[in-house]
PDB file of N, CA and C in Angstrom:
ATOM      1  N   MET A   1      91.791 117.767 119.970  1.00  0.00           N
ATOM      2  CA  MET A   1      91.454 117.225 118.673  1.00  0.00           C
ATOM      3  C   MET A   1      91.969 115.782 118.601  1.00  0.00           C
ATOM      4  N   SER A   2      91.131 114.868 118.133  1.00  0.00           N
ATOM      5  CA  SER A   2      91.506 113.459 118.036  1.00  0.00           C
ATOM      6  C   SER A   2      92.530 113.261 116.913  1.00  0.00           C
ATOM      7  N   THR A   3      93.215 112.116 116.967  1.00  0.00           N
ATOM      8  CA  THR A   3      94.201 111.796 115.933  1.00  0.00           C
ATOM      9  C   THR A   3      93.554 111.757 114.559  1.00  0.00           C
ATOM     10  N   SER A   4      92.386 111.118 114.442  1.00  0.00           N
ATOM     11  CA  SER A   4      91.741 111.030 113.133  1.00  0.00           C
ATOM     12  C   SER A   4      91.282 112.404 112.658  1.00  0.00           C
ATOM     13  N   ALA A   5      90.880 113.297 113.547  1.00  0.00           N
ATOM     14  CA  ALA A   5      90.504 114.660 113.152  1.00  0.00           C
ATOM     15  C   ALA A   5      91.728 115.436 112.678  1.00  0.00           C
ATOM     16  N   ARG A   6      92.867 115.263 113.350  1.00  0.00           N
ATOM     17  CA  ARG A   6      94.103 115.923 112.916  1.00  0.00           C
ATOM     18  C   ARG A   6      94.532 115.391 111.551  1.00  0.00           C
ATOM     19  N   ASP A   7      94.435 114.073 111.349  1.00  0.00           N
ATOM     20  CA  ASP A   7      94.788 113.486 110.056  1.00  0.00           C
ATOM     21  C   ASP A   7      93.907 114.047 108.950  1.00  0.00           C
ATOM     22  N   ALA A   8      92.600 114.138 109.210  1.00  0.00           N
ATOM     23  CA  ALA A   8      91.665 114.664 108.207  1.00  0.00           C
ATOM     24  C   ALA A   8      91.998 116.112 107.878  1.00  0.00           C
ATOM     25  N   ALA A   9      92.370 116.876 108.881  1.00  0.00           N
ATOM     26  CA  ALA A   9      92.721 118.283 108.658  1.00  0.00           C
ATOM     27  C   ALA A   9      93.985 118.395 107.802  1.00  0.00           C
ATOM     28  N   ARG A  10      94.877 117.438 107.909  1.00  0.00           N
ATOM     29  CA  ARG A  10      96.108 117.433 107.107  1.00  0.00           C
ATOM     30  C   ARG A  10      95.886 116.822 105.736  1.00  0.00           C
ATOM     31  N   GLY A  11      94.686 116.279 105.474  1.00  0.00           N
ATOM     32  CA  GLY A  11      94.409 115.672 104.175  1.00  0.00           C
ATOM     33  C   GLY A  11      94.948 114.273 104.018  1.00  0.00           C
ATOM     34  N   VAL A  12      95.197 113.597 105.135  1.00  0.00           N
ATOM     35  CA  VAL A  12      95.672 112.218 105.086  1.00  0.00           C
ATOM     36  C   VAL A  12      94.662 111.312 105.777  1.00  0.00           C
ATOM     37  N   VAL A  13      94.748 110.055 105.453  1.00  0.00           N
ATOM     38  CA  VAL A  13      93.889 109.065 106.076  1.00  0.00           C
ATOM     39  C   VAL A  13      94.768 107.931 106.597  1.00  0.00           C
ATOM     40  N   ARG A  14      94.428 107.450 107.785  1.00  0.00           N
ATOM     41  CA  ARG A  14      95.158 106.317 108.375  1.00  0.00           C
ATOM     42  C   ARG A  14      94.453 105.042 107.957  1.00  0.00           C
ATOM     43  N   ILE A  15      95.218 104.104 107.405  1.00  0.00           N
ATOM     44  CA  ILE A  15      94.671 102.838 106.932  1.00  0.00           C
ATOM     45  C   ILE A  15      95.297 101.698 107.730  1.00  0.00           C
ATOM     46  N   ASP A  16      94.456 100.821 108.230  1.00  0.00           N
ATOM     47  CA  ASP A  16      94.903  99.617 108.929  1.00  0.00           C
ATOM     48  C   ASP A  16      95.029  98.504 107.889  1.00  0.00           C
ATOM     49  N   LEU A  17      96.255  98.056 107.639  1.00  0.00           N
ATOM     50  CA  LEU A  17      96.503  97.020 106.637  1.00  0.00           C
ATOM     51  C   LEU A  17      96.413  95.609 107.208  1.00  0.00           C
ATOM     52  N   GLY A  18      96.129  95.499 108.483  1.00  0.00           N
ATOM     53  CA  GLY A  18      96.006  94.177 109.099  1.00  0.00           C
ATOM     54  C   GLY A  18      97.287  93.731 109.766  1.00  0.00           C
ATOM     55  N   SER A  19      97.347  92.467 110.059  1.00  0.00           N
ATOM     56  CA  SER A  19      98.462  91.883 110.789  1.00  0.00           C
ATOM     57  C   SER A  19      99.768  91.976 110.009  1.00  0.00           C
ATOM     58  N   ILE A  20     100.842  92.209 110.734  1.00  0.00           N
ATOM     59  CA  ILE A  20     102.177  92.229 110.131  1.00  0.00           C
ATOM     60  C   ILE A  20     102.504  90.864 109.518  1.00  0.00           C
ATOM     61  N   GLU A  21     101.813  89.838 109.941  1.00  0.00           N
ATOM     62  CA  GLU A  21     102.069  88.497 109.410  1.00  0.00           C
ATOM     63  C   GLU A  21     101.732  88.396 107.920  1.00  0.00           C
ATOM     64  N   ARG A  22     101.021  89.378 107.380  1.00  0.00           N
ATOM     65  CA  ARG A  22     100.744  89.405 105.935  1.00  0.00           C
ATOM     66  C   ARG A  22     102.008  89.701 105.125  1.00  0.00           C
ATOM     67  N   VAL A  23     103.037  90.232 105.791  1.00  0.00           N
ATOM     68  CA  VAL A  23     104.309  90.556 105.141  1.00  0.00           C
ATOM     69  C   VAL A  23     105.389  89.676 105.775  1.00  0.00           C
ATOM     70  N   PRO A  24     105.922  88.708 105.048  1.00  0.00           N
ATOM     71  CA  PRO A  24     106.944  87.834 105.623  1.00  0.00           C
ATOM     72  C   PRO A  24     108.198  88.623 106.033  1.00  0.00           C
ATOM     73  N   PRO A  25     108.893  88.201 107.098  1.00  0.00           N
ATOM     74  CA  PRO A  25     110.131  88.877 107.505  1.00  0.00           C
ATOM     75  C   PRO A  25     111.137  88.922 106.365  1.00  0.00           C
ATOM     76  N   GLY A  26     111.745  90.092 106.166  1.00  0.00           N
ATOM     77  CA  GLY A  26     112.753  90.255 105.130  1.00  0.00           C
ATOM     78  C   GLY A  26     112.186  90.399 103.736  1.00  0.00           C
ATOM     79  N   GLU A  27     110.880  90.697 103.633  1.00  0.00           N
ATOM     80  CA  GLU A  27     110.242  90.814 102.326  1.00  0.00           C
ATOM     81  C   GLU A  27     109.322  92.036 102.276  1.00  0.00           C
ATOM     82  N   GLY A  28     108.705  92.213 101.114  1.00  0.00           N
ATOM     83  CA  GLY A  28     107.740  93.283 100.920  1.00  0.00           C
ATOM     84  C   GLY A  28     106.425  92.715 100.408  1.00  0.00           C
ATOM     85  N   GLN A  29     105.380  93.509 100.521  1.00  0.00           N
ATOM     86  CA  GLN A  29     104.055  93.130 100.041  1.00  0.00           C
ATOM     87  C   GLN A  29     103.399  94.380  99.474  1.00  0.00           C
ATOM     88  N   THR A  30     102.711  94.254  98.348  1.00  0.00           N
ATOM     89  CA  THR A  30     102.027  95.388  97.737  1.00  0.00           C
ATOM     90  C   THR A  30     100.572  95.408  98.178  1.00  0.00           C
ATOM     91  N   PHE A  31     100.090  96.607  98.546  1.00  0.00           N
ATOM     92  CA  PHE A  31      98.704  96.819  98.946  1.00  0.00           C
ATOM     93  C   PHE A  31      98.124  97.939  98.086  1.00  0.00           C
ATOM     94  N   LEU A  32      96.839  97.873  97.797  1.00  0.00           N
ATOM     95  CA  LEU A  32      96.139  98.967  97.140  1.00  0.00           C
ATOM     96  C   LEU A  32      95.471  99.787  98.235  1.00  0.00           C
ATOM     97  N   VAL A  33      95.918 101.043  98.386  1.00  0.00           N
ATOM     98  CA  VAL A  33      95.469 101.900  99.480  1.00  0.00           C
ATOM     99  C   VAL A  33      95.012 103.242  98.916  1.00  0.00           C
ATOM    100  N   GLU A  34      93.733 103.569  99.099  1.00  0.00           N
ATOM    101  CA  GLU A  34      93.192 104.845  98.624  1.00  0.00           C
ATOM    102  C   GLU A  34      93.527 105.077  97.154  1.00  0.00           C
ATOM    103  N   GLY A  35      93.419 104.023  96.347  1.00  0.00           N
ATOM    104  CA  GLY A  35      93.669 104.136  94.920  1.00  0.00           C
ATOM    105  C   GLY A  35      95.132 104.161  94.528  1.00  0.00           C
ATOM    106  N   ARG A  36      96.022 103.891  95.453  1.00  0.00           N
ATOM    107  CA  ARG A  36      97.462 103.953  95.203  1.00  0.00           C
ATOM    108  C   ARG A  36      98.097 102.629  95.608  1.00  0.00           C
ATOM    109  N   GLU A  37      99.050 102.152  94.804  1.00  0.00           N
ATOM    110  CA  GLU A  37      99.813 100.968  95.176  1.00  0.00           C
ATOM    111  C   GLU A  37     100.895 101.380  96.172  1.00  0.00           C
ATOM    112  N   ILE A  38     100.902 100.706  97.313  1.00  0.00           N
ATOM    113  CA  ILE A  38     101.875 100.964  98.374  1.00  0.00           C
ATOM    114  C   ILE A  38     102.619  99.658  98.648  1.00  0.00           C
ATOM    115  N   ALA A  39     103.940  99.745  98.750  1.00  0.00           N
ATOM    116  CA  ALA A  39     104.738  98.582  99.140  1.00  0.00           C
ATOM    117  C   ALA A  39     105.081  98.720 100.615  1.00  0.00           C
ATOM    118  N   VAL A  40     104.792  97.679 101.380  1.00  0.00           N
ATOM    119  CA  VAL A  40     105.152  97.641 102.797  1.00  0.00           C
ATOM    120  C   VAL A  40     106.245  96.598 102.949  1.00  0.00           C
ATOM    121  N   PHE A  41     107.331  97.007 103.582  1.00  0.00           N
ATOM    122  CA  PHE A  41     108.485  96.146 103.785  1.00  0.00           C
ATOM    123  C   PHE A  41     108.654  95.868 105.271  1.00  0.00           C
ATOM    124  N   ARG A  42     109.010  94.633 105.583  1.00  0.00           N
ATOM    125  CA  ARG A  42     109.220  94.213 106.979  1.00  0.00           C
ATOM    126  C   ARG A  42     110.623  93.646 107.102  1.00  0.00           C
ATOM    127  N   SER A  43     111.421  94.261 107.957  1.00  0.00           N
ATOM    128  CA  SER A  43     112.766  93.731 108.177  1.00  0.00           C
ATOM    129  C   SER A  43     112.668  92.468 109.038  1.00  0.00           C
ATOM    130  N   ARG A  44     113.760  91.778 109.131  1.00  0.00           N
ATOM    131  CA  ARG A  44     113.773  90.548 109.935  1.00  0.00           C
ATOM    132  C   ARG A  44     113.589  90.840 111.423  1.00  0.00           C
ATOM    133  N   ASP A  45     113.828  92.095 111.835  1.00  0.00           N
ATOM    134  CA  ASP A  45     113.601  92.472 113.236  1.00  0.00           C
ATOM    135  C   ASP A  45     112.343  93.332 113.395  1.00  0.00           C
ATOM    136  N   ASP A  46     111.391  93.184 112.464  1.00  0.00           N
ATOM    137  CA  ASP A  46     110.054  93.800 112.524  1.00  0.00           C
ATOM    138  C   ASP A  46     110.020  95.322 112.408  1.00  0.00           C
ATOM    139  N   VAL A  47     110.997  95.920 111.767  1.00  0.00           N
ATOM    140  CA  VAL A  47     110.913  97.335 111.417  1.00  0.00           C
ATOM    141  C   VAL A  47     110.129  97.398 110.105  1.00  0.00           C
ATOM    142  N   VAL A  48     109.133  98.288 110.037  1.00  0.00           N
ATOM    143  CA  VAL A  48     108.331  98.386 108.815  1.00  0.00           C
ATOM    144  C   VAL A  48     108.565  99.721 108.118  1.00  0.00           C
ATOM    145  N   HIS A  49     108.490  99.684 106.787  1.00  0.00           N
ATOM    146  CA  HIS A  49     108.613 100.868 105.943  1.00  0.00           C
ATOM    147  C   HIS A  49     107.536 100.779 104.876  1.00  0.00           C
ATOM    148  N   ALA A  50     107.106 101.925 104.370  1.00  0.00           N
ATOM    149  CA  ALA A  50     106.126 101.952 103.286  1.00  0.00           C
ATOM    150  C   ALA A  50     106.609 102.944 102.232  1.00  0.00           C
ATOM    151  N   THR A  51     106.570 102.509 100.972  1.00  0.00           N
ATOM    152  CA  THR A  51     106.993 103.344  99.847  1.00  0.00           C
ATOM    153  C   THR A  51     106.009 103.162  98.698  1.00  0.00           C
ATOM    154  N   GLN A  52     106.189 103.990  97.667  1.00  0.00           N
ATOM    155  CA  GLN A  52     105.442 103.722  96.438  1.00  0.00           C
ATOM    156  C   GLN A  52     105.798 102.310  96.005  1.00  0.00           C
ATOM    157  N   ALA A  53     104.893 101.654  95.315  1.00  0.00           N
ATOM    158  CA  ALA A  53     105.078 100.237  95.001  1.00  0.00           C
ATOM    159  C   ALA A  53     105.977  99.979  93.808  1.00  0.00           C
ATOM    160  N   ARG A  54     106.107 100.961  92.916  1.00  0.00           N
ATOM    161  CA  ARG A  54     106.847 100.730  91.671  1.00  0.00           C
ATOM    162  C   ARG A  54     108.072 101.638  91.569  1.00  0.00           C
ATOM    163  N   CYS A  55     109.128 101.082  91.031  1.00  0.00           N
ATOM    164  CA  CYS A  55     110.361 101.828  90.824  1.00  0.00           C
ATOM    165  C   CYS A  55     110.107 102.974  89.842  1.00  0.00           C
ATOM    166  N   PRO A  56     110.653 104.152  90.116  1.00  0.00           N
ATOM    167  CA  PRO A  56     110.460 105.281  89.206  1.00  0.00           C
ATOM    168  C   PRO A  56     111.150 105.100  87.855  1.00  0.00           C
ATOM    169  N   HIS A  57     112.095 104.187  87.764  1.00  0.00           N
ATOM    170  CA  HIS A  57     112.857 104.008  86.531  1.00  0.00           C
ATOM    171  C   HIS A  57     112.092 103.206  85.488  1.00  0.00           C
ATOM    172  N   ARG A  58     111.663 102.004  85.828  1.00  0.00           N
ATOM    173  CA  ARG A  58     110.978 101.144  84.859  1.00  0.00           C
ATOM    174  C   ARG A  58     109.750 100.466  85.439  1.00  0.00           C
ATOM    175  N   ALA A  59     109.229 100.990  86.513  1.00  0.00           N
ATOM    176  CA  ALA A  59     107.991 100.513  87.147  1.00  0.00           C
ATOM    177  C   ALA A  59     108.086  99.088  87.678  1.00  0.00           C
ATOM    178  N   GLY A  60     109.302  98.658  88.023  1.00  0.00           N
ATOM    179  CA  GLY A  60     109.451  97.334  88.637  1.00  0.00           C
ATOM    180  C   GLY A  60     108.706  97.280  89.958  1.00  0.00           C
ATOM    181  N   LEU A  61     108.084  96.168  90.253  1.00  0.00           N
ATOM    182  CA  LEU A  61     107.336  95.994  91.491  1.00  0.00           C
ATOM    183  C   LEU A  61     108.330  95.770  92.638  1.00  0.00           C
ATOM    184  N   LEU A  62     108.534  96.803  93.443  1.00  0.00           N
ATOM    185  CA  LEU A  62     109.583  96.790  94.451  1.00  0.00           C
ATOM    186  C   LEU A  62     109.396  95.705  95.506  1.00  0.00           C
ATOM    187  N   ALA A  63     108.161  95.345  95.818  1.00  0.00           N
ATOM    188  CA  ALA A  63     107.924  94.298  96.811  1.00  0.00           C
ATOM    189  C   ALA A  63     108.495  92.956  96.363  1.00  0.00           C
ATOM    190  N   ASP A  64     108.759  92.804  95.067  1.00  0.00           N
ATOM    191  CA  ASP A  64     109.378  91.580  94.542  1.00  0.00           C
ATOM    192  C   ASP A  64     110.900  91.653  94.584  1.00  0.00           C
ATOM    193  N   GLY A  65     111.452  92.788  95.023  1.00  0.00           N
ATOM    194  CA  GLY A  65     112.895  92.963  95.069  1.00  0.00           C
ATOM    195  C   GLY A  65     113.522  92.337  96.296  1.00  0.00           C
ATOM    196  N   ILE A  66     114.831  92.433  96.360  1.00  0.00           N
ATOM    197  CA  ILE A  66     115.587  91.919  97.496  1.00  0.00           C
ATOM    198  C   ILE A  66     115.618  92.999  98.575  1.00  0.00           C
ATOM    199  N   VAL A  67     115.281  92.620  99.804  1.00  0.00           N
ATOM    200  CA  VAL A  67     115.205  93.548 100.926  1.00  0.00           C
ATOM    201  C   VAL A  67     116.262  93.158 101.954  1.00  0.00           C
ATOM    202  N   GLY A  68     117.028  94.138 102.407  1.00  0.00           N
ATOM    203  CA  GLY A  68     118.011  93.893 103.456  1.00  0.00           C
ATOM    204  C   GLY A  68     118.799  95.140 103.772  1.00  0.00           C
ATOM    205  N   ASP A  69     119.297  95.223 104.989  1.00  0.00           N
ATOM    206  CA  ASP A  69     120.124  96.345 105.437  1.00  0.00           C
ATOM    207  C   ASP A  69     119.408  97.686 105.226  1.00  0.00           C
ATOM    208  N   GLY A  70     118.071  97.694 105.393  1.00  0.00           N
ATOM    209  CA  GLY A  70     117.316  98.940 105.266  1.00  0.00           C
ATOM    210  C   GLY A  70     117.138  99.424 103.844  1.00  0.00           C
ATOM    211  N   ARG A  71     117.371  98.530 102.877  1.00  0.00           N
ATOM    212  CA  ARG A  71     117.278  98.907 101.465  1.00  0.00           C
ATOM    213  C   ARG A  71     116.444  97.883 100.698  1.00  0.00           C
ATOM    214  N   VAL A  72     116.004  98.309  99.514  1.00  0.00           N
ATOM    215  CA  VAL A  72     115.358  97.394  98.575  1.00  0.00           C
ATOM    216  C   VAL A  72     116.070  97.537  97.239  1.00  0.00           C
ATOM    217  N   ILE A  73     116.214  96.409  96.547  1.00  0.00           N
ATOM    218  CA  ILE A  73     116.817  96.394  95.221  1.00  0.00           C
ATOM    219  C   ILE A  73     115.714  96.073  94.219  1.00  0.00           C
ATOM    220  N   CYS A  74     115.534  96.954  93.238  1.00  0.00           N
ATOM    221  CA  CYS A  74     114.505  96.750  92.224  1.00  0.00           C
ATOM    222  C   CYS A  74     114.790  95.463  91.447  1.00  0.00           C
ATOM    223  N   PRO A  75     113.769  94.615  91.255  1.00  0.00           N
ATOM    224  CA  PRO A  75     113.993  93.352  90.549  1.00  0.00           C
ATOM    225  C   PRO A  75     114.220  93.505  89.044  1.00  0.00           C
ATOM    226  N   LEU A  76     113.906  94.670  88.468  1.00  0.00           N
ATOM    227  CA  LEU A  76     114.073  94.835  87.023  1.00  0.00           C
ATOM    228  C   LEU A  76     115.474  95.257  86.598  1.00  0.00           C
ATOM    229  N   HIS A  77     116.095  96.141  87.404  1.00  0.00           N
ATOM    230  CA  HIS A  77     117.382  96.661  86.944  1.00  0.00           C
ATOM    231  C   HIS A  77     118.435  96.789  88.033  1.00  0.00           C
ATOM    232  N   GLY A  78     118.115  96.358  89.238  1.00  0.00           N
ATOM    233  CA  GLY A  78     119.105  96.346  90.310  1.00  0.00           C
ATOM    234  C   GLY A  78     119.342  97.672  91.002  1.00  0.00           C
ATOM    235  N   TYR A  79     118.540  98.699  90.709  1.00  0.00           N
ATOM    236  CA  TYR A  79     118.712  99.964  91.421  1.00  0.00           C
ATOM    237  C   TYR A  79     118.337  99.773  92.887  1.00  0.00           C
ATOM    238  N   ARG A  80     119.070 100.452  93.765  1.00  0.00           N
ATOM    239  CA  ARG A  80     118.860 100.333  95.214  1.00  0.00           C
ATOM    240  C   ARG A  80     118.278 101.622  95.776  1.00  0.00           C
ATOM    241  N   PHE A  81     117.457 101.452  96.812  1.00  0.00           N
ATOM    242  CA  PHE A  81     116.820 102.594  97.480  1.00  0.00           C
ATOM    243  C   PHE A  81     116.808 102.364  98.986  1.00  0.00           C
ATOM    244  N   GLU A  82     117.034 103.457  99.743  1.00  0.00           N
ATOM    245  CA  GLU A  82     116.888 103.431 101.194  1.00  0.00           C
ATOM    246  C   GLU A  82     115.397 103.370 101.518  1.00  0.00           C
ATOM    247  N   LEU A  83     114.989 102.424 102.350  1.00  0.00           N
ATOM    248  CA  LEU A  83     113.570 102.290 102.671  1.00  0.00           C
ATOM    249  C   LEU A  83     113.061 103.417 103.572  1.00  0.00           C
ATOM    250  N   ALA A  84     113.874 103.899 104.478  1.00  0.00           N
ATOM    251  CA  ALA A  84     113.420 104.941 105.401  1.00  0.00           C
ATOM    252  C   ALA A  84     113.186 106.275 104.704  1.00  0.00           C
ATOM    253  N   SER A  85     114.051 106.629 103.765  1.00  0.00           N
ATOM    254  CA  SER A  85     113.965 107.944 103.124  1.00  0.00           C
ATOM    255  C   SER A  85     113.513 107.891 101.671  1.00  0.00           C
ATOM    256  N   GLY A  86     113.633 106.729 101.041  1.00  0.00           N
ATOM    257  CA  GLY A  86     113.335 106.602  99.618  1.00  0.00           C
ATOM    258  C   GLY A  86     114.489 107.014  98.715  1.00  0.00           C
ATOM    259  N   ALA A  87     115.590 107.466  99.290  1.00  0.00           N
ATOM    260  CA  ALA A  87     116.727 107.966  98.510  1.00  0.00           C
ATOM    261  C   ALA A  87     117.367 106.858  97.681  1.00  0.00           C
ATOM    262  N   PRO A  88     117.731 107.186  96.429  1.00  0.00           N
ATOM    263  CA  PRO A  88     118.455 106.213  95.610  1.00  0.00           C
ATOM    264  C   PRO A  88     119.867 106.028  96.166  1.00  0.00           C
ATOM    265  N   VAL A  89     120.402 104.830  96.000  1.00  0.00           N
ATOM    266  CA  VAL A  89     121.746 104.517  96.480  1.00  0.00           C
ATOM    267  C   VAL A  89     122.599 104.106  95.288  1.00  0.00           C
ATOM    268  N   GLY A  90     123.556 104.955  94.916  1.00  0.00           N
ATOM    269  CA  GLY A  90     124.482 104.633  93.848  1.00  0.00           C
ATOM    270  C   GLY A  90     123.888 104.692  92.449  1.00  0.00           C
ATOM    271  N   ASN A  91     122.788 105.404  92.285  1.00  0.00           N
ATOM    272  CA  ASN A  91     122.194 105.572  90.961  1.00  0.00           C
ATOM    273  C   ASN A  91     121.507 106.931  90.902  1.00  0.00           C
ATOM    274  N   ALA A  92     121.187 107.364  89.701  1.00  0.00           N
ATOM    275  CA  ALA A  92     120.598 108.692  89.507  1.00  0.00           C
ATOM    276  C   ALA A  92     119.079 108.649  89.389  1.00  0.00           C
ATOM    277  N   CYS A  93     118.478 107.551  89.769  1.00  0.00           N
ATOM    278  CA  CYS A  93     117.021 107.405  89.696  1.00  0.00           C
ATOM    279  C   CYS A  93     116.358 108.371  90.690  1.00  0.00           C
ATOM    280  N   ALA A  94     115.138 108.753  90.400  1.00  0.00           N
ATOM    281  CA  ALA A  94     114.371 109.594  91.327  1.00  0.00           C
ATOM    282  C   ALA A  94     114.150 108.841  92.635  1.00  0.00           C
ATOM    283  N   ALA A  95     114.009 109.583  93.715  1.00  0.00           N
ATOM    284  CA  ALA A  95     113.749 108.985  95.025  1.00  0.00           C
ATOM    285  C   ALA A  95     112.341 108.391  95.063  1.00  0.00           C
ATOM    286  N   LEU A  96     112.181 107.402  95.911  1.00  0.00           N
ATOM    287  CA  LEU A  96     110.859 106.818  96.143  1.00  0.00           C
ATOM    288  C   LEU A  96     110.052 107.720  97.058  1.00  0.00           C
ATOM    289  N   HIS A  97     108.746 107.765  96.833  1.00  0.00           N
ATOM    290  CA  HIS A  97     107.859 108.439  97.776  1.00  0.00           C
ATOM    291  C   HIS A  97     107.643 107.484  98.945  1.00  0.00           C
ATOM    292  N   THR A  98     107.824 107.979 100.161  1.00  0.00           N
ATOM    293  CA  THR A  98     107.627 107.154 101.350  1.00  0.00           C
ATOM    294  C   THR A  98     106.380 107.618 102.092  1.00  0.00           C
ATOM    295  N   PHE A  99     105.855 106.738 102.932  1.00  0.00           N
ATOM    296  CA  PHE A  99     104.643 107.025 103.699  1.00  0.00           C
ATOM    297  C   PHE A  99     104.888 106.705 105.162  1.00  0.00           C
ATOM    298  N   PRO A 100     104.337 107.523 106.075  1.00  0.00           N
ATOM    299  CA  PRO A 100     104.440 107.182 107.490  1.00  0.00           C
ATOM    300  C   PRO A 100     103.764 105.834 107.746  1.00  0.00           C
ATOM    301  N   VAL A 101     104.419 104.998 108.515  1.00  0.00           N
ATOM    302  CA  VAL A 101     103.898 103.663 108.806  1.00  0.00           C
ATOM    303  C   VAL A 101     104.249 103.325 110.249  1.00  0.00           C
ATOM    304  N   GLU A 102     103.404 102.521 110.866  1.00  0.00           N
ATOM    305  CA  GLU A 102     103.601 102.157 112.272  1.00  0.00           C
ATOM    306  C   GLU A 102     103.184 100.710 112.477  1.00  0.00           C
ATOM    307  N   LEU A 103     103.919 100.013 113.324  1.00  0.00           N
ATOM    308  CA  LEU A 103     103.537  98.682 113.774  1.00  0.00           C
ATOM    309  C   LEU A 103     103.009  98.841 115.191  1.00  0.00           C
ATOM    310  N   THR A 104     101.724  98.542 115.400  1.00  0.00           N
ATOM    311  CA  THR A 104     101.091  98.751 116.704  1.00  0.00           C
ATOM    312  C   THR A 104     101.509  97.659 117.687  1.00  0.00           C
ATOM    313  N   THR A 105     101.166  97.870 118.943  1.00  0.00           N
ATOM    314  CA  THR A 105     101.500  96.882 119.970  1.00  0.00           C
ATOM    315  C   THR A 105     100.804  95.550 119.734  1.00  0.00           C
ATOM    316  N   ASP A 106      99.646  95.578 119.053  1.00  0.00           N
ATOM    317  CA  ASP A 106      98.968  94.320 118.734  1.00  0.00           C
ATOM    318  C   ASP A 106      99.363  93.811 117.337  1.00  0.00           C
ATOM    319  N   ARG A 107     100.488  94.348 116.791  1.00  0.00           N
ATOM    320  CA  ARG A 107     101.141  93.871 115.571  1.00  0.00           C
ATOM    321  C   ARG A 107     100.322  94.087 114.310  1.00  0.00           C
ATOM    322  N   ARG A 108      99.646  95.234 114.253  1.00  0.00           N
ATOM    323  CA  ARG A 108      98.915  95.639 113.056  1.00  0.00           C
ATOM    324  C   ARG A 108      99.706  96.747 112.370  1.00  0.00           C
ATOM    325  N   VAL A 109      99.648  96.770 111.042  1.00  0.00           N
ATOM    326  CA  VAL A 109     100.373  97.762 110.258  1.00  0.00           C
ATOM    327  C   VAL A 109      99.424  98.909 109.931  1.00  0.00           C
ATOM    328  N   LEU A 110      99.794 100.124 110.345  1.00  0.00           N
ATOM    329  CA  LEU A 110      99.037 101.328 110.025  1.00  0.00           C
ATOM    330  C   LEU A 110      99.872 102.183 109.087  1.00  0.00           C
ATOM    331  N   VAL A 111      99.245 102.701 108.031  1.00  0.00           N
ATOM    332  CA  VAL A 111      99.940 103.573 107.086  1.00  0.00           C
ATOM    333  C   VAL A 111      99.091 104.809 106.860  1.00  0.00           C
ATOM    334  N   TRP A 112      99.746 105.969 106.728  1.00  0.00           N
ATOM    335  CA  TRP A 112      99.070 107.235 106.476  1.00  0.00           C
ATOM    336  C   TRP A 112      99.327 107.634 105.028  1.00  0.00           C
ATOM    337  N   VAL A 113      98.248 107.867 104.274  1.00  0.00           N
ATOM    338  CA  VAL A 113      98.361 108.241 102.861  1.00  0.00           C
ATOM    339  C   VAL A 113      97.477 109.451 102.584  1.00  0.00           C
ATOM    340  N   PRO A 114      97.822 110.220 101.544  1.00  0.00           N
ATOM    341  CA  PRO A 114      96.965 111.344 101.166  1.00  0.00           C
ATOM    342  C   PRO A 114      95.576 110.836 100.785  1.00  0.00           C
ATOM    343  N   ARG A 115      94.561 111.516 101.258  1.00  0.00           N
ATOM    344  CA  ARG A 115      93.175 111.137 100.958  1.00  0.00           C
ATOM    345  C   ARG A 115      92.916 111.277  99.465  1.00  0.00           C
ATOM    346  N   GLY A 116      92.318 110.220  98.879  1.00  0.00           N
ATOM    347  CA  GLY A 116      91.921 110.268  97.467  1.00  0.00           C
ATOM    348  C   GLY A 116      93.076 110.264  96.492  1.00  0.00           C
ATOM    349  N   SER A 117      94.264 109.792  96.918  1.00  0.00           N
ATOM    350  CA  SER A 117      95.411 109.767  96.009  1.00  0.00           C
ATOM    351  C   SER A 117      95.205 108.723  94.925  1.00  0.00           C
ATOM    352  N   ARG A 118      95.963 108.825  93.881  1.00  0.00           N
ATOM    353  CA  ARG A 118      95.868 107.897  92.754  1.00  0.00           C
ATOM    354  C   ARG A 118      97.191 107.193  92.545  1.00  0.00           C
ATOM    355  N   SER A 119      97.134 106.068  91.892  1.00  0.00           N
ATOM    356  CA  SER A 119      98.324 105.257  91.620  1.00  0.00           C
ATOM    357  C   SER A 119      99.338 106.043  90.797  1.00  0.00           C
ATOM    358  N   GLU A 120     100.614 105.847  91.095  1.00  0.00           N
ATOM    359  CA  GLU A 120     101.699 106.513  90.368  1.00  0.00           C
ATOM    360  C   GLU A 120     102.494 105.475  89.599  1.00  0.00           C
ATOM    361  N   VAL A 121     101.907 104.871  88.629  1.00  0.00           N
ATOM    362  CA  VAL A 121     102.605 103.881  87.823  1.00  0.00           C
ATOM    363  C   VAL A 121     103.369 104.581  86.724  1.00  0.00           C
ATOM    364  N   ALA A 122     104.644 104.279  86.622  1.00  0.00           N
ATOM    365  CA  ALA A 122     105.494 104.921  85.610  1.00  0.00           C
ATOM    366  C   ALA A 122     105.185 104.385  84.240  1.00  0.00           C
TER     367      ALA A 122
END
């Protein structure tokens, strides 16, 4: 069974977001993917993470937050989240939803999202 057939069977779709150069090192960028806002973060050493785009607390746009040490800080209220797991750090906010993401050998960002999902704006 091909990768795309396995993804379809799991109810997910793989989306090619283009070159990693669309996301500056040490920052995040918001993409609209299958009807859902996704934030893609790129560390300074080219590790990529993908999470829901808005903070669960006050819907702050996380891609506008400060990124470093594997975390993002929400620009609205300073809450911190682990990018790999979505777990809150030092606050009682709900965890972020994360998405599988990959940086290919030709430096393209691939993200897997549920097929037909909708935006989760708080």
